[in-house]
């Protein structure tokens, strides 16, 4: 079963502001949110994959 993360949890994990998360979502550079009433959530495995892709990109750039 998938776990959902709150907006605050996502901000704490990725280390960027709510506004930056929204910008990246609009540009399709961030996983899509799930709306439930007045709250928003993200799928934990999608956020983990996003972070891992950033790490992989960093590591690929340092091998050159």
PDB file of N, CA and C in Angstrom:
ATOM      1  N   UNK A   1       0.848  -1.182   0.000  1.00  0.00           N
ATOM      2  CA  UNK A   1       0.000   0.000   0.000  1.00  0.00           C
ATOM      3  C   UNK A   1       0.894   1.247   0.000  1.00  0.00           C
ATOM      4  N   UNK A   2       0.508   2.211  -0.796  1.00  0.00           N
ATOM      5  CA  UNK A   2       1.278   3.457  -0.905  1.00  0.00           C
ATOM      6  C   UNK A   2       1.007   4.367   0.294  1.00  0.00           C
ATOM      7  N   UNK A   3       2.014   5.106   0.664  1.00  0.00           N
ATOM      8  CA  UNK A   3       1.913   6.081   1.739  1.00  0.00           C
ATOM      9  C   UNK A   3       1.831   7.470   1.124  1.00  0.00           C
ATOM     10  N   UNK A   4       1.045   8.335   1.746  1.00  0.00           N
ATOM     11  CA  UNK A   4       0.910   9.708   1.272  1.00  0.00           C
ATOM     12  C   UNK A   4       1.675  10.647   2.196  1.00  0.00           C
ATOM     13  N   UNK A   5       2.284  11.663   1.594  1.00  0.00           N
ATOM     14  CA  UNK A   5       3.042  12.655   2.347  1.00  0.00           C
ATOM     15  C   UNK A   5       2.340  14.005   2.287  1.00  0.00           C
ATOM     16  N   UNK A   6       2.345  14.703   3.392  1.00  0.00           N
ATOM     17  CA  UNK A   6       1.753  16.036   3.447  1.00  0.00           C
ATOM     18  C   UNK A   6       2.657  17.043   2.743  1.00  0.00           C
ATOM     19  N   UNK A   7       2.122  18.215   2.526  1.00  0.00           N
ATOM     20  CA  UNK A   7       2.870  19.300   1.888  1.00  0.00           C
ATOM     21  C   UNK A   7       4.114  19.644   2.710  1.00  0.00           C
ATOM     22  N   UNK A   8       3.955  19.713   4.012  1.00  0.00           N
ATOM     23  CA  UNK A   8       5.085  20.035   4.889  1.00  0.00           C
ATOM     24  C   UNK A   8       6.152  18.942   4.821  1.00  0.00           C
ATOM     25  N   UNK A   9       5.724  17.687   4.825  1.00  0.00           N
ATOM     26  CA  UNK A   9       6.687  16.583   4.758  1.00  0.00           C
ATOM     27  C   UNK A   9       7.469  16.621   3.450  1.00  0.00           C
ATOM     28  N   UNK A  10       6.779  16.905   2.345  1.00  0.00           N
ATOM     29  CA  UNK A  10       7.447  16.985   1.052  1.00  0.00           C
ATOM     30  C   UNK A  10       8.440  18.138   1.046  1.00  0.00           C
ATOM     31  N   UNK A  11       8.031  19.279   1.571  1.00  0.00           N
ATOM     32  CA  UNK A  11       8.935  20.435   1.630  1.00  0.00           C
ATOM     33  C   UNK A  11      10.182  20.079   2.443  1.00  0.00           C
ATOM     34  N   UNK A  12       9.998  19.409   3.562  1.00  0.00           N
ATOM     35  CA  UNK A  12      11.135  19.037   4.402  1.00  0.00           C
ATOM     36  C   UNK A  12      12.068  18.043   3.696  1.00  0.00           C
ATOM     37  N   UNK A  13      11.503  17.140   2.914  1.00  0.00           N
ATOM     38  CA  UNK A  13      12.307  16.132   2.215  1.00  0.00           C
ATOM     39  C   UNK A  13      13.103  16.755   1.079  1.00  0.00           C
ATOM     40  N   UNK A  14      12.453  17.557   0.251  1.00  0.00           N
ATOM     41  CA  UNK A  14      13.142  18.087  -0.934  1.00  0.00           C
ATOM     42  C   UNK A  14      13.875  19.385  -0.657  1.00  0.00           C
ATOM     43  N   UNK A  15      13.540  20.064   0.431  1.00  0.00           N
ATOM     44  CA  UNK A  15      14.293  21.248   0.829  1.00  0.00           C
ATOM     45  C   UNK A  15      14.037  22.493   0.014  1.00  0.00           C
ATOM     46  N   UNK A  16      12.860  22.593  -0.589  1.00  0.00           N
ATOM     47  CA  UNK A  16      12.502  23.808  -1.318  1.00  0.00           C
ATOM     48  C   UNK A  16      11.160  24.324  -0.791  1.00  0.00           C
ATOM     49  N   UNK A  17      10.872  25.575  -1.096  1.00  0.00           N
ATOM     50  CA  UNK A  17       9.653  26.211  -0.601  1.00  0.00           C
ATOM     51  C   UNK A  17       8.410  25.649  -1.280  1.00  0.00           C
ATOM     52  N   UNK A  18       7.247  25.939  -0.667  1.00  0.00           N
ATOM     53  CA  UNK A  18       5.978  25.548  -1.266  1.00  0.00           C
ATOM     54  C   UNK A  18       5.828  26.175  -2.651  1.00  0.00           C
ATOM     55  N   UNK A  19       6.251  27.429  -2.781  1.00  0.00           N
ATOM     56  CA  UNK A  19       6.144  28.120  -4.066  1.00  0.00           C
ATOM     57  C   UNK A  19       6.998  27.436  -5.134  1.00  0.00           C
ATOM     58  N   UNK A  20       8.186  26.999  -4.766  1.00  0.00           N
ATOM     59  CA  UNK A  20       9.060  26.315  -5.725  1.00  0.00           C
ATOM     60  C   UNK A  20       8.480  24.955  -6.110  1.00  0.00           C
ATOM     61  N   UNK A  21       7.901  24.253  -5.156  1.00  0.00           N
ATOM     62  CA  UNK A  21       7.238  22.982  -5.470  1.00  0.00           C
ATOM     63  C   UNK A  21       6.140  23.225  -6.497  1.00  0.00           C
ATOM     64  N   UNK A  22       5.333  24.261  -6.297  1.00  0.00           N
ATOM     65  CA  UNK A  22       4.243  24.583  -7.221  1.00  0.00           C
ATOM     66  C   UNK A  22       4.789  24.913  -8.611  1.00  0.00           C
ATOM     67  N   UNK A  23       5.881  25.688  -8.683  1.00  0.00           N
ATOM     68  CA  UNK A  23       6.481  26.031  -9.983  1.00  0.00           C
ATOM     69  C   UNK A  23       6.957  24.772 -10.708  1.00  0.00           C
ATOM     70  N   UNK A  24       7.614  23.897  -9.981  1.00  0.00           N
ATOM     71  CA  UNK A  24       8.116  22.666 -10.596  1.00  0.00           C
ATOM     72  C   UNK A  24       6.966  21.781 -11.061  1.00  0.00           C
ATOM     73  N   UNK A  25       5.883  21.756 -10.298  1.00  0.00           N
ATOM     74  CA  UNK A  25       4.711  20.987 -10.726  1.00  0.00           C
ATOM     75  C   UNK A  25       4.149  21.549 -12.030  1.00  0.00           C
ATOM     76  N   UNK A  26       4.039  22.861 -12.108  1.00  0.00           N
ATOM     77  CA  UNK A  26       3.500  23.493 -13.312  1.00  0.00           C
ATOM     78  C   UNK A  26       4.351  23.194 -14.535  1.00  0.00           C
ATOM     79  N   UNK A  27       5.659  23.095 -14.333  1.00  0.00           N
ATOM     80  CA  UNK A  27       6.590  22.806 -15.422  1.00  0.00           C
ATOM     81  C   UNK A  27       6.762  21.301 -15.650  1.00  0.00           C
ATOM     82  N   UNK A  28       5.987  20.479 -14.944  1.00  0.00           N
ATOM     83  CA  UNK A  28       6.055  19.008 -15.043  1.00  0.00           C
ATOM     84  C   UNK A  28       7.433  18.484 -14.659  1.00  0.00           C
ATOM     85  N   UNK A  29       8.043  19.148 -13.677  1.00  0.00           N
ATOM     86  CA  UNK A  29       9.358  18.720 -13.174  1.00  0.00           C
ATOM     87  C   UNK A  29       9.261  18.170 -11.758  1.00  0.00           C
ATOM     88  N   UNK A  30       8.040  17.878 -11.312  1.00  0.00           N
ATOM     89  CA  UNK A  30       7.814  17.402  -9.950  1.00  0.00           C
ATOM     90  C   UNK A  30       6.594  16.485  -9.986  1.00  0.00           C
ATOM     91  N   UNK A  31       6.556  15.470  -9.128  1.00  0.00           N
ATOM     92  CA  UNK A  31       5.397  14.570  -9.119  1.00  0.00           C
ATOM     93  C   UNK A  31       4.086  15.327  -8.862  1.00  0.00           C
ATOM     94  N   UNK A  32       3.011  14.818  -9.428  1.00  0.00           N
ATOM     95  CA  UNK A  32       1.702  15.440  -9.272  1.00  0.00           C
ATOM     96  C   UNK A  32       1.156  15.204  -7.865  1.00  0.00           C
ATOM     97  N   UNK A  33       0.450  16.198  -7.389  1.00  0.00           N
ATOM     98  CA  UNK A  33      -0.173  16.102  -6.070  1.00  0.00           C
ATOM     99  C   UNK A  33      -1.518  15.394  -6.158  1.00  0.00           C
ATOM    100  N   UNK A  34      -1.990  14.948  -5.011  1.00  0.00           N
ATOM    101  CA  UNK A  34      -3.320  14.360  -4.854  1.00  0.00           C
ATOM    102  C   UNK A  34      -4.109  15.296  -3.965  1.00  0.00           C
ATOM    103  N   UNK A  35      -5.268  15.697  -4.413  1.00  0.00           N
ATOM    104  CA  UNK A  35      -6.123  16.577  -3.605  1.00  0.00           C
ATOM    105  C   UNK A  35      -7.162  15.732  -2.868  1.00  0.00           C
ATOM    106  N   UNK A  36      -7.347  16.046  -1.598  1.00  0.00           N
ATOM    107  CA  UNK A  36      -8.362  15.373  -0.789  1.00  0.00           C
ATOM    108  C   UNK A  36      -9.027  16.444   0.063  1.00  0.00           C
ATOM    109  N   UNK A  37     -10.165  16.910  -0.408  1.00  0.00           N
ATOM    110  CA  UNK A  37     -10.814  18.023   0.278  1.00  0.00           C
ATOM    111  C   UNK A  37      -9.947  19.256   0.130  1.00  0.00           C
ATOM    112  N   UNK A  38      -9.636  19.898   1.230  1.00  0.00           N
ATOM    113  CA  UNK A  38      -8.803  21.089   1.203  1.00  0.00           C
ATOM    114  C   UNK A  38      -7.330  20.812   1.377  1.00  0.00           C
ATOM    115  N   UNK A  39      -6.947  19.557   1.464  1.00  0.00           N
ATOM    116  CA  UNK A  39      -5.543  19.209   1.684  1.00  0.00           C
ATOM    117  C   UNK A  39      -4.929  18.613   0.438  1.00  0.00           C
ATOM    118  N   UNK A  40      -3.614  18.643   0.379  1.00  0.00           N
ATOM    119  CA  UNK A  40      -2.892  18.024  -0.738  1.00  0.00           C
ATOM    120  C   UNK A  40      -1.840  17.068  -0.192  1.00  0.00           C
ATOM    121  N   UNK A  41      -1.588  16.034  -0.973  1.00  0.00           N
ATOM    122  CA  UNK A  41      -0.628  15.005  -0.596  1.00  0.00           C
ATOM    123  C   UNK A  41       0.142  14.575  -1.832  1.00  0.00           C
ATOM    124  N   UNK A  42       1.279  13.924  -1.602  1.00  0.00           N
ATOM    125  CA  UNK A  42       2.059  13.321  -2.672  1.00  0.00           C
ATOM    126  C   UNK A  42       2.307  11.865  -2.308  1.00  0.00           C
ATOM    127  N   UNK A  43       2.458  11.029  -3.317  1.00  0.00           N
ATOM    128  CA  UNK A  43       2.758   9.614  -3.111  1.00  0.00           C
ATOM    129  C   UNK A  43       4.231   9.503  -2.719  1.00  0.00           C
ATOM    130  N   UNK A  44       4.472   8.854  -1.589  1.00  0.00           N
ATOM    131  CA  UNK A  44       5.825   8.782  -1.033  1.00  0.00           C
ATOM    132  C   UNK A  44       6.823   8.176  -2.017  1.00  0.00           C
ATOM    133  N   UNK A  45       6.446   7.110  -2.703  1.00  0.00           N
ATOM    134  CA  UNK A  45       7.388   6.464  -3.627  1.00  0.00           C
ATOM    135  C   UNK A  45       7.741   7.382  -4.794  1.00  0.00           C
ATOM    136  N   UNK A  46       6.821   8.261  -5.218  1.00  0.00           N
ATOM    137  CA  UNK A  46       7.118   9.199  -6.300  1.00  0.00           C
ATOM    138  C   UNK A  46       8.084  10.288  -5.835  1.00  0.00           C
ATOM    139  N   UNK A  47       7.941  10.722  -4.590  1.00  0.00           N
ATOM    140  CA  UNK A  47       8.877  11.715  -4.043  1.00  0.00           C
ATOM    141  C   UNK A  47      10.256  11.079  -3.873  1.00  0.00           C
ATOM    142  N   UNK A  48      10.292   9.831  -3.402  1.00  0.00           N
ATOM    143  CA  UNK A  48      11.567   9.129  -3.263  1.00  0.00           C
ATOM    144  C   UNK A  48      12.259   8.983  -4.621  1.00  0.00           C
ATOM    145  N   UNK A  49      11.493   8.643  -5.648  1.00  0.00           N
ATOM    146  CA  UNK A  49      12.065   8.511  -6.998  1.00  0.00           C
ATOM    147  C   UNK A  49      12.583   9.854  -7.499  1.00  0.00           C
ATOM    148  N   UNK A  50      11.868  10.922  -7.193  1.00  0.00           N
ATOM    149  CA  UNK A  50      12.296  12.274  -7.583  1.00  0.00           C
ATOM    150  C   UNK A  50      13.650  12.597  -6.942  1.00  0.00           C
ATOM    151  N   UNK A  51      13.776  12.336  -5.656  1.00  0.00           N
ATOM    152  CA  UNK A  51      15.032  12.612  -4.948  1.00  0.00           C
ATOM    153  C   UNK A  51      16.152  11.740  -5.519  1.00  0.00           C
ATOM    154  N   UNK A  52      15.864  10.474  -5.763  1.00  0.00           N
ATOM    155  CA  UNK A  52      16.887   9.574  -6.313  1.00  0.00           C
ATOM    156  C   UNK A  52      17.341  10.035  -7.688  1.00  0.00           C
ATOM    157  N   UNK A  53      16.417  10.577  -8.495  1.00  0.00           N
ATOM    158  CA  UNK A  53      16.810  11.070  -9.818  1.00  0.00           C
ATOM    159  C   UNK A  53      17.739  12.276  -9.693  1.00  0.00           C
ATOM    160  N   UNK A  54      17.507  13.119  -8.693  1.00  0.00           N
ATOM    161  CA  UNK A  54      18.397  14.264  -8.469  1.00  0.00           C
ATOM    162  C   UNK A  54      19.786  13.785  -8.058  1.00  0.00           C
ATOM    163  N   UNK A  55      19.844  12.768  -7.210  1.00  0.00           N
ATOM    164  CA  UNK A  55      21.128  12.209  -6.778  1.00  0.00           C
ATOM    165  C   UNK A  55      21.851  11.580  -7.957  1.00  0.00           C
ATOM    166  N   UNK A  56      21.118  10.832  -8.786  1.00  0.00           N
ATOM    167  CA  UNK A  56      21.730  10.187  -9.958  1.00  0.00           C
ATOM    168  C   UNK A  56      22.275  11.224 -10.928  1.00  0.00           C
ATOM    169  N   UNK A  57      21.540  12.312 -11.130  1.00  0.00           N
ATOM    170  CA  UNK A  57      22.002  13.374 -12.023  1.00  0.00           C
ATOM    171  C   UNK A  57      23.282  14.010 -11.474  1.00  0.00           C
ATOM    172  N   UNK A  58      23.301  14.249 -10.166  1.00  0.00           N
ATOM    173  CA  UNK A  58      24.496  14.823  -9.539  1.00  0.00           C
ATOM    174  C   UNK A  58      25.701  13.890  -9.735  1.00  0.00           C
ATOM    175  N   UNK A  59      25.476  12.592  -9.472  1.00  0.00           N
ATOM    176  CA  UNK A  59      26.572  11.641  -9.589  1.00  0.00           C
ATOM    177  C   UNK A  59      27.065  11.496 -11.025  1.00  0.00           C
ATOM    178  N   UNK A  60      26.165  11.576 -11.982  1.00  0.00           N
ATOM    179  CA  UNK A  60      26.555  11.480 -13.393  1.00  0.00           C
ATOM    180  C   UNK A  60      27.395  12.684 -13.786  1.00  0.00           C
ATOM    181  N   UNK A  61      27.085  13.838 -13.237  1.00  0.00           N
ATOM    182  CA  UNK A  61      27.829  15.060 -13.564  1.00  0.00           C
ATOM    183  C   UNK A  61      29.199  15.093 -12.903  1.00  0.00           C
ATOM    184  N   UNK A  62      29.374  14.386 -11.810  1.00  0.00           N
ATOM    185  CA  UNK A  62      30.677  14.417 -11.118  1.00  0.00           C
ATOM    186  C   UNK A  62      31.630  13.374 -11.672  1.00  0.00           C
ATOM    187  N   UNK A  63      31.155  12.457 -12.481  1.00  0.00           N
ATOM    188  CA  UNK A  63      32.016  11.414 -13.061  1.00  0.00           C
ATOM    189  C   UNK A  63      32.763  11.897 -14.284  1.00  0.00           C
ATOM    190  N   UNK A  64      32.387  12.999 -14.817  1.00  0.00           N
ATOM    191  CA  UNK A  64      33.018  13.503 -16.059  1.00  0.00           C
ATOM    192  C   UNK A  64      34.453  13.903 -15.864  1.00  0.00           C
TER     193      UNK A  64
END
